[in-house]
Protein backbone atom coordinates (compact mmCIF):
# COMPACT_ATOMS: atom_id res chain seq x y z
CA ALA A 1 0.00 0.00 0.00
CA GLU A 2 1.18 3.53 -0.71
CA VAL A 3 0.53 6.22 1.90
CA GLY A 4 1.87 9.76 1.65
CA GLY A 5 4.46 8.79 -0.95
CA PHE A 6 5.71 5.81 1.09
CA VAL A 7 5.21 2.20 -0.01
CA PHE A 8 4.46 -0.25 2.78
CA SER A 9 4.80 -3.96 2.10
CA ARG A 10 4.69 -7.06 4.24
CA VAL A 11 7.17 -9.77 3.37
CA LEU A 12 4.37 -12.28 3.91
CA ASP A 13 2.47 -10.67 1.01
CA SER A 14 5.15 -11.80 -1.42
CA GLU A 15 7.90 -14.33 -1.80
CA PRO A 16 10.70 -12.85 0.35
CA SER A 17 13.30 -14.10 -2.10
CA ARG A 18 11.56 -12.14 -4.90
CA LEU A 19 10.12 -8.77 -3.88
CA PRO A 20 7.44 -7.45 -6.26
CA TYR A 21 9.31 -4.24 -7.17
CA GLU A 22 11.51 -3.03 -10.02
CA ASP A 23 15.28 -2.87 -9.67
CA ALA A 24 16.59 0.27 -7.95
CA SER A 25 13.13 1.54 -6.98
CA PHE A 26 13.66 2.62 -3.35
CA ASP A 27 15.88 5.06 -1.51
CA LEU A 28 15.02 3.45 1.82
CA VAL A 29 14.09 -0.02 3.04
CA VAL A 30 13.20 -0.56 6.71
CA ALA A 31 13.28 -4.08 8.18
CA LEU A 32 12.34 -4.09 11.85
CA MET A 33 12.44 -7.50 13.50
CA VAL A 34 11.90 -9.27 10.16
CA LEU A 35 15.00 -11.11 9.02
CA HIS A 36 15.15 -13.59 11.89
CA HIS A 37 11.77 -14.93 10.69
CA VAL A 38 12.86 -15.40 7.06
CA PRO A 39 14.21 -18.89 6.27
CA ASP A 40 16.62 -17.55 3.61
CA ALA A 41 17.80 -14.20 4.98
CA ARG A 42 20.67 -14.13 2.45
CA ALA A 43 18.30 -14.31 -0.53
CA THR A 44 16.03 -11.71 1.06
CA LEU A 45 18.96 -9.33 1.56
CA GLN A 46 19.93 -9.84 -2.09
CA GLU A 47 16.41 -8.73 -2.97
CA VAL A 48 16.72 -5.70 -0.70
CA LEU A 49 19.97 -4.83 -2.47
CA ARG A 50 18.26 -5.27 -5.85
CA VAL A 51 15.36 -2.91 -5.06
CA LEU A 52 17.54 -0.26 -3.37
CA LYS A 53 18.82 2.57 -5.53
CA PRO A 54 22.60 3.05 -5.56
CA GLY A 55 23.44 4.84 -2.32
CA GLY A 56 20.07 3.72 -0.89
CA CYS A 57 19.71 2.91 2.77
CA LEU A 58 18.60 -0.17 4.74
CA VAL A 59 17.58 0.42 8.35
CA ILE A 60 17.52 -2.78 10.39
CA ARG A 61 16.52 -3.78 13.89
CA GLU A 62 17.01 -7.36 15.04
CA HIS A 63 17.54 -9.38 18.18
CA ASP A 64 21.17 -9.35 19.36
CA CYS A 65 20.97 -12.94 20.51
CA THR A 66 24.15 -14.25 22.10
CA SER A 67 23.04 -17.54 23.65
CA ARG A 68 20.71 -20.50 23.15
CA LYS A 69 19.03 -19.68 26.48
CA LEU A 70 18.16 -16.20 25.20
CA ALA A 71 16.87 -17.70 21.94
CA THR A 72 14.53 -19.91 23.98
CA VAL A 73 13.22 -16.91 25.93
CA ILE A 74 12.63 -15.03 22.66
CA ASP A 75 10.81 -18.03 21.17
CA VAL A 76 8.52 -18.21 24.21
CA MET A 77 7.92 -14.45 23.99
CA HIS A 78 6.94 -14.79 20.31
CA GLY A 79 4.53 -17.62 21.12
CA LEU A 80 2.87 -15.67 23.93
CA TYR A 81 2.60 -12.61 21.73
CA THR A 82 0.91 -14.42 18.85
CA ARG A 83 -1.59 -16.09 21.18
CA THR A 84 -2.44 -13.25 23.57
CA TRP A 85 -1.76 -9.80 22.11
CA PRO A 86 -3.65 -9.64 18.80
CA ASP A 87 -7.40 -10.10 18.70
CA PRO A 88 -8.01 -12.55 17.12
CA PRO A 89 -4.73 -14.45 17.73
CA GLU A 90 -2.35 -14.26 14.76
CA SER A 91 -1.50 -17.92 14.46
CA ARG A 92 -3.45 -20.85 15.78
CA SER A 93 -0.75 -23.24 14.54
CA PHE A 94 2.20 -21.33 16.01
CA CYS A 95 4.22 -24.41 16.98
CA ASP A 96 3.85 -25.88 13.48
CA THR A 97 4.62 -22.72 11.50
CA TYR A 98 7.01 -20.64 13.63
CA TYR A 99 10.50 -20.05 12.27
CA ALA A 100 13.34 -18.01 13.75
CA ALA A 101 17.10 -17.91 13.24
CA TYR A 102 18.71 -15.52 15.69
CA ARG A 103 22.15 -14.00 15.40
CA ALA A 104 24.37 -11.84 17.55
CA ARG A 105 25.27 -8.34 16.36
CA GLU A 106 28.45 -9.65 14.70
CA GLY A 107 26.46 -12.27 12.78
CA TRP A 108 24.04 -9.65 11.43
CA CYS A 109 26.94 -7.43 10.38
CA GLN A 110 28.64 -10.32 8.58
CA LEU A 111 25.42 -11.29 6.79
CA LEU A 112 24.83 -7.68 5.66
CA ARG A 113 28.42 -7.32 4.41
CA GLU A 114 28.19 -10.63 2.54
CA ALA A 115 25.04 -9.32 0.84
CA GLY A 116 27.07 -6.40 -0.54
CA LEU A 117 25.87 -3.69 1.83
CA VAL A 118 28.21 -1.18 3.46
CA GLN A 119 27.76 0.04 7.01
CA ALA A 120 26.76 3.71 7.11
CA ARG A 121 29.37 5.93 8.72
CA HIS A 122 26.94 7.17 11.38
CA SER A 123 25.12 3.90 11.97
CA PRO A 124 24.21 3.40 15.64
CA ASP A 125 26.10 0.09 15.56
CA CYS A 126 29.46 1.39 14.30
CA ASP A 127 32.26 -0.13 16.31
CA GLY A 128 33.38 3.30 17.50
CA ILE A 129 29.96 4.27 18.87
CA TYR A 130 28.25 0.95 19.66
CA VAL A 131 27.45 0.74 23.34
CA GLU A 132 26.36 -2.52 24.91
CA ARG A 133 23.55 -2.29 27.41
CA LYS A 134 24.93 -2.41 30.93
CA ALA A 135 23.00 -3.65 33.91
CA ARG A 136 21.28 -0.85 35.80
CA PRO A 137 20.50 -0.72 39.51
CA SER A 138 16.82 -1.11 38.62
CA ASP A 139 17.66 -4.51 37.06
CA ARG A 140 18.43 -6.10 40.41
CA TYR A 141 15.01 -7.74 40.79
CA ILE A 142 14.01 -8.52 37.21
CA LYS A 143 16.73 -9.06 34.65
CA ASN A 144 15.86 -7.92 31.14
CA PRO A 145 17.64 -10.38 28.82
CA PHE A 146 16.68 -8.62 25.59
CA HIS A 147 19.31 -6.88 23.53
CA PHE A 148 18.68 -5.45 20.10
CA TYR A 149 20.87 -4.76 17.12
CA TYR A 150 20.21 -1.49 15.27
CA GLY A 151 22.04 -0.72 12.04
CA VAL A 152 22.04 1.53 9.02
CA TRP A 153 23.55 0.09 5.85
CA ASN A 154 23.93 1.47 2.34
CA LYS A 155 23.94 0.03 -1.14
CA PRO A 156 27.26 1.18 -2.59
CA PRO A 157 26.98 3.89 -5.26
CA GLN A 158 27.64 2.62 -8.78
């Protein structure tokens, strides 16, 4: 759907390995908490690269998952969300259809580089400015295990 000059698309509406857009049609692609649910993230990123204009920008937010225990917590959170938050529930067959492949920040960066994207100079995840979340005094009773990876990546200019 197009709203105010922006095109909004759900990956589920198309085959993620073949987005329904012309080559070099977008200046910006935003993928928030998407790629860990796509079975072939590499192919999907190749499609993102295809539809981005030279110099175009990909904004990404993903789980920064550093352990199998954290992956289990995230899986449980996804299951609770799909069954309790939306009305009606999103997926009655969650256990049969759910897919997730989590990575740590370094894994996301490697995947994005392998796809041909270049980290933006002022990306919030640049090594010089990336700050890991430190425990706060308020965390002493309930530990928040969730960490997120935020990045801004560019398609190289031709």
